[in-house]
Amino acid sequence: MSNIYIQEPPTQGKVLLHTSVGDIDIELWSKEAPKACRNFIQLCLEGYYNGTVFHRIIRGFIVQGGDPTGTGEGGESIT
């Protein structure tokens, strides 16, 4: 993984996720979860999530995605 993004983002950071049915604003809590936010931003900058699907959708509750296989079984883990 490259070091494109090596500093902690601001606590009020956001990511805009473009989907085929509309955009989703994702609020990043970098003060509370700095490593998770850094990893997520790094993967976004590398295009890791491009073309992935939401593999789990529960209306009114949750969507899950980000797995390059589209199964929810996993992909890479950044440590």
N, C-alpha and C. Protein backbone atom coordinates (compact mmCIF):
# COMPACT_ATOMS: atom_id res chain seq x y z
N MET A 1 0.84 -1.17 0.00
CA MET A 1 0.00 0.00 0.00
C MET A 1 0.89 1.24 0.00
N SER A 2 0.54 2.21 -0.82
CA SER A 2 1.31 3.44 -0.87
C SER A 2 0.95 4.34 0.31
N ASN A 3 1.72 5.39 0.47
CA ASN A 3 1.47 6.33 1.56
C ASN A 3 0.90 7.64 1.02
N ILE A 4 -0.09 7.55 0.14
CA ILE A 4 -0.71 8.75 -0.42
C ILE A 4 -1.30 9.60 0.70
N TYR A 5 -1.92 8.96 1.66
CA TYR A 5 -2.58 9.67 2.76
C TYR A 5 -1.96 9.19 4.06
N ILE A 6 -1.10 10.01 4.67
CA ILE A 6 -0.40 9.55 5.87
C ILE A 6 -0.73 10.35 7.12
N GLN A 7 -1.51 11.41 6.99
CA GLN A 7 -1.88 12.20 8.16
C GLN A 7 -3.33 11.94 8.53
N GLU A 8 -3.62 12.09 9.82
CA GLU A 8 -4.98 11.90 10.30
C GLU A 8 -5.89 12.97 9.70
N PRO A 9 -7.03 12.56 9.12
CA PRO A 9 -7.96 13.54 8.56
C PRO A 9 -8.68 14.30 9.67
N PRO A 10 -9.30 15.44 9.35
CA PRO A 10 -10.04 16.17 10.37
C PRO A 10 -11.22 15.36 10.89
N THR A 11 -11.60 15.59 12.14
CA THR A 11 -12.68 14.82 12.76
C THR A 11 -13.97 14.93 11.96
N GLN A 12 -14.24 16.09 11.36
CA GLN A 12 -15.47 16.25 10.59
C GLN A 12 -15.30 15.81 9.13
N GLY A 13 -14.35 14.97 8.83
CA GLY A 13 -14.12 14.54 7.46
C GLY A 13 -15.29 13.75 6.91
N LYS A 14 -15.49 13.85 5.60
CA LYS A 14 -16.56 13.11 4.94
C LYS A 14 -16.05 12.55 3.62
N VAL A 15 -16.70 11.50 3.18
CA VAL A 15 -16.45 10.91 1.88
C VAL A 15 -17.80 10.87 1.16
N LEU A 16 -17.81 11.25 -0.11
CA LEU A 16 -19.02 11.18 -0.91
C LEU A 16 -18.93 9.93 -1.78
N LEU A 17 -19.83 9.00 -1.56
CA LEU A 17 -19.87 7.74 -2.29
C LEU A 17 -20.90 7.86 -3.41
N HIS A 18 -20.45 7.72 -4.65
CA HIS A 18 -21.34 7.78 -5.81
C HIS A 18 -21.83 6.36 -6.12
N THR A 19 -23.15 6.18 -6.19
CA THR A 19 -23.72 4.88 -6.55
C THR A 19 -24.65 5.06 -7.75
N SER A 20 -25.09 3.96 -8.32
CA SER A 20 -25.98 4.02 -9.48
C SER A 20 -27.38 4.51 -9.11
N VAL A 21 -27.72 4.56 -7.82
CA VAL A 21 -29.04 5.03 -7.39
C VAL A 21 -28.97 6.32 -6.58
N GLY A 22 -27.81 6.95 -6.54
CA GLY A 22 -27.66 8.21 -5.83
C GLY A 22 -26.41 8.24 -4.98
N ASP A 23 -26.12 9.41 -4.46
CA ASP A 23 -24.91 9.61 -3.66
C ASP A 23 -25.19 9.36 -2.18
N ILE A 24 -24.16 8.93 -1.46
CA ILE A 24 -24.24 8.69 -0.02
C ILE A 24 -23.10 9.46 0.64
N ASP A 25 -23.44 10.29 1.64
CA ASP A 25 -22.43 10.99 2.44
C ASP A 25 -22.00 10.07 3.58
N ILE A 26 -20.70 9.84 3.69
CA ILE A 26 -20.16 9.02 4.77
C ILE A 26 -19.35 9.93 5.68
N GLU A 27 -19.77 10.01 6.94
CA GLU A 27 -19.06 10.83 7.92
C GLU A 27 -17.95 10.00 8.55
N LEU A 28 -16.75 10.56 8.57
CA LEU A 28 -15.60 9.87 9.15
C LEU A 28 -15.34 10.38 10.56
N TRP A 29 -15.18 9.49 11.49
CA TRP A 29 -14.88 9.84 12.88
C TRP A 29 -13.42 9.54 13.14
N SER A 30 -12.56 10.35 12.56
CA SER A 30 -11.12 10.07 12.60
C SER A 30 -10.51 10.23 13.99
N LYS A 31 -11.10 11.05 14.82
CA LYS A 31 -10.59 11.18 16.19
C LYS A 31 -10.87 9.91 16.98
N GLU A 32 -12.04 9.33 16.76
CA GLU A 32 -12.46 8.14 17.48
C GLU A 32 -11.88 6.85 16.88
N ALA A 33 -11.68 6.83 15.56
CA ALA A 33 -11.18 5.62 14.89
C ALA A 33 -10.16 6.02 13.82
N PRO A 34 -9.01 6.56 14.22
CA PRO A 34 -8.05 7.10 13.25
C PRO A 34 -7.51 6.07 12.26
N LYS A 35 -7.21 4.88 12.73
CA LYS A 35 -6.64 3.86 11.83
C LYS A 35 -7.66 3.41 10.79
N ALA A 36 -8.89 3.17 11.22
CA ALA A 36 -9.93 2.75 10.28
C ALA A 36 -10.18 3.83 9.23
N CYS A 37 -10.21 5.10 9.65
CA CYS A 37 -10.43 6.19 8.71
C CYS A 37 -9.27 6.33 7.73
N ARG A 38 -8.05 6.25 8.23
CA ARG A 38 -6.87 6.32 7.35
C ARG A 38 -6.91 5.20 6.32
N ASN A 39 -7.18 3.99 6.78
CA ASN A 39 -7.23 2.84 5.87
C ASN A 39 -8.32 3.01 4.82
N PHE A 40 -9.51 3.45 5.25
CA PHE A 40 -10.62 3.65 4.33
C PHE A 40 -10.28 4.70 3.27
N ILE A 41 -9.73 5.83 3.70
CA ILE A 41 -9.36 6.89 2.76
C ILE A 41 -8.28 6.40 1.80
N GLN A 42 -7.30 5.68 2.31
CA GLN A 42 -6.23 5.15 1.46
C GLN A 42 -6.81 4.24 0.37
N LEU A 43 -7.71 3.34 0.76
CA LEU A 43 -8.32 2.44 -0.21
C LEU A 43 -9.17 3.22 -1.22
N CYS A 44 -9.88 4.25 -0.76
CA CYS A 44 -10.65 5.08 -1.69
C CYS A 44 -9.74 5.74 -2.72
N LEU A 45 -8.63 6.31 -2.26
CA LEU A 45 -7.70 6.98 -3.17
C LEU A 45 -7.08 6.02 -4.18
N GLU A 46 -6.95 4.77 -3.80
CA GLU A 46 -6.38 3.76 -4.71
C GLU A 46 -7.43 3.13 -5.62
N GLY A 47 -8.71 3.53 -5.49
CA GLY A 47 -9.77 2.98 -6.34
C GLY A 47 -10.21 1.58 -5.95
N TYR A 48 -9.89 1.16 -4.75
CA TYR A 48 -10.19 -0.20 -4.29
C TYR A 48 -11.68 -0.53 -4.36
N TYR A 49 -12.53 0.44 -4.07
CA TYR A 49 -13.98 0.20 -4.01
C TYR A 49 -14.68 0.40 -5.35
N ASN A 50 -13.96 0.88 -6.36
CA ASN A 50 -14.58 1.13 -7.66
C ASN A 50 -15.19 -0.15 -8.22
N GLY A 51 -16.47 -0.08 -8.57
CA GLY A 51 -17.15 -1.22 -9.18
C GLY A 51 -17.61 -2.29 -8.22
N THR A 52 -17.43 -2.09 -6.90
CA THR A 52 -17.90 -3.09 -5.95
C THR A 52 -19.40 -2.92 -5.72
N VAL A 53 -20.01 -3.93 -5.12
CA VAL A 53 -21.46 -3.93 -4.88
C VAL A 53 -21.75 -3.96 -3.38
N PHE A 54 -22.98 -3.60 -3.01
CA PHE A 54 -23.44 -3.83 -1.65
C PHE A 54 -23.90 -5.28 -1.58
N HIS A 55 -23.21 -6.10 -0.80
CA HIS A 55 -23.54 -7.52 -0.74
C HIS A 55 -24.60 -7.84 0.30
N ARG A 56 -24.91 -6.89 1.18
CA ARG A 56 -25.95 -7.10 2.20
C ARG A 56 -26.76 -5.81 2.33
N ILE A 57 -28.07 -5.92 2.16
CA ILE A 57 -28.95 -4.77 2.26
C ILE A 57 -30.14 -5.15 3.13
N ILE A 58 -30.33 -4.41 4.23
CA ILE A 58 -31.50 -4.58 5.08
C ILE A 58 -32.19 -3.21 5.13
N ARG A 59 -33.31 -3.11 4.43
CA ARG A 59 -34.02 -1.84 4.27
C ARG A 59 -34.28 -1.16 5.62
N GLY A 60 -33.95 0.12 5.68
CA GLY A 60 -34.17 0.90 6.88
C GLY A 60 -33.16 0.66 7.99
N PHE A 61 -32.13 -0.18 7.71
CA PHE A 61 -31.18 -0.51 8.76
C PHE A 61 -29.73 -0.38 8.31
N ILE A 62 -29.32 -1.17 7.31
CA ILE A 62 -27.90 -1.24 6.99
C ILE A 62 -27.66 -1.66 5.54
N VAL A 63 -26.57 -1.18 5.00
CA VAL A 63 -26.01 -1.73 3.77
C VAL A 63 -24.55 -2.04 4.06
N GLN A 64 -24.07 -3.12 3.49
CA GLN A 64 -22.67 -3.48 3.65
C GLN A 64 -22.07 -3.71 2.27
N GLY A 65 -20.85 -3.24 2.11
CA GLY A 65 -20.16 -3.39 0.84
C GLY A 65 -18.67 -3.27 1.05
N GLY A 66 -17.96 -3.13 -0.06
CA GLY A 66 -16.52 -2.95 0.02
C GLY A 66 -15.73 -4.22 -0.20
N ASP A 67 -16.41 -5.35 -0.30
CA ASP A 67 -15.74 -6.62 -0.55
C ASP A 67 -15.57 -6.77 -2.05
N PRO A 68 -14.33 -6.86 -2.54
CA PRO A 68 -14.13 -6.95 -3.99
C PRO A 68 -14.71 -8.21 -4.61
N THR A 69 -14.98 -9.24 -3.81
CA THR A 69 -15.58 -10.46 -4.36
C THR A 69 -17.09 -10.34 -4.46
N GLY A 70 -17.69 -9.36 -3.75
CA GLY A 70 -19.13 -9.17 -3.77
C GLY A 70 -19.90 -10.18 -2.94
N THR A 71 -19.21 -10.97 -2.13
CA THR A 71 -19.86 -12.02 -1.35
C THR A 71 -19.96 -11.71 0.13
N GLY A 72 -19.16 -10.77 0.61
CA GLY A 72 -19.10 -10.51 2.04
C GLY A 72 -18.11 -11.39 2.76
N GLU A 73 -17.42 -12.23 2.00
CA GLU A 73 -16.45 -13.16 2.59
C GLU A 73 -15.08 -12.52 2.80
N GLY A 74 -14.88 -11.34 2.26
CA GLY A 74 -13.62 -10.66 2.56
C GLY A 74 -12.82 -10.27 1.35
N GLY A 75 -11.78 -9.56 1.66
CA GLY A 75 -10.82 -9.09 0.67
C GLY A 75 -9.52 -8.94 1.41
N GLU A 76 -8.88 -7.82 1.22
CA GLU A 76 -7.63 -7.55 1.92
C GLU A 76 -7.89 -6.94 3.29
N SER A 77 -6.96 -7.14 4.17
CA SER A 77 -7.00 -6.49 5.48
C SER A 77 -5.74 -5.65 5.63
N ILE A 78 -5.92 -4.41 6.01
CA ILE A 78 -4.78 -3.52 6.22
C ILE A 78 -4.48 -3.48 7.70
N THR A 79 -3.22 -3.68 8.04
CA THR A 79 -2.86 -3.64 9.46
C THR A 79 -2.06 -2.42 9.79
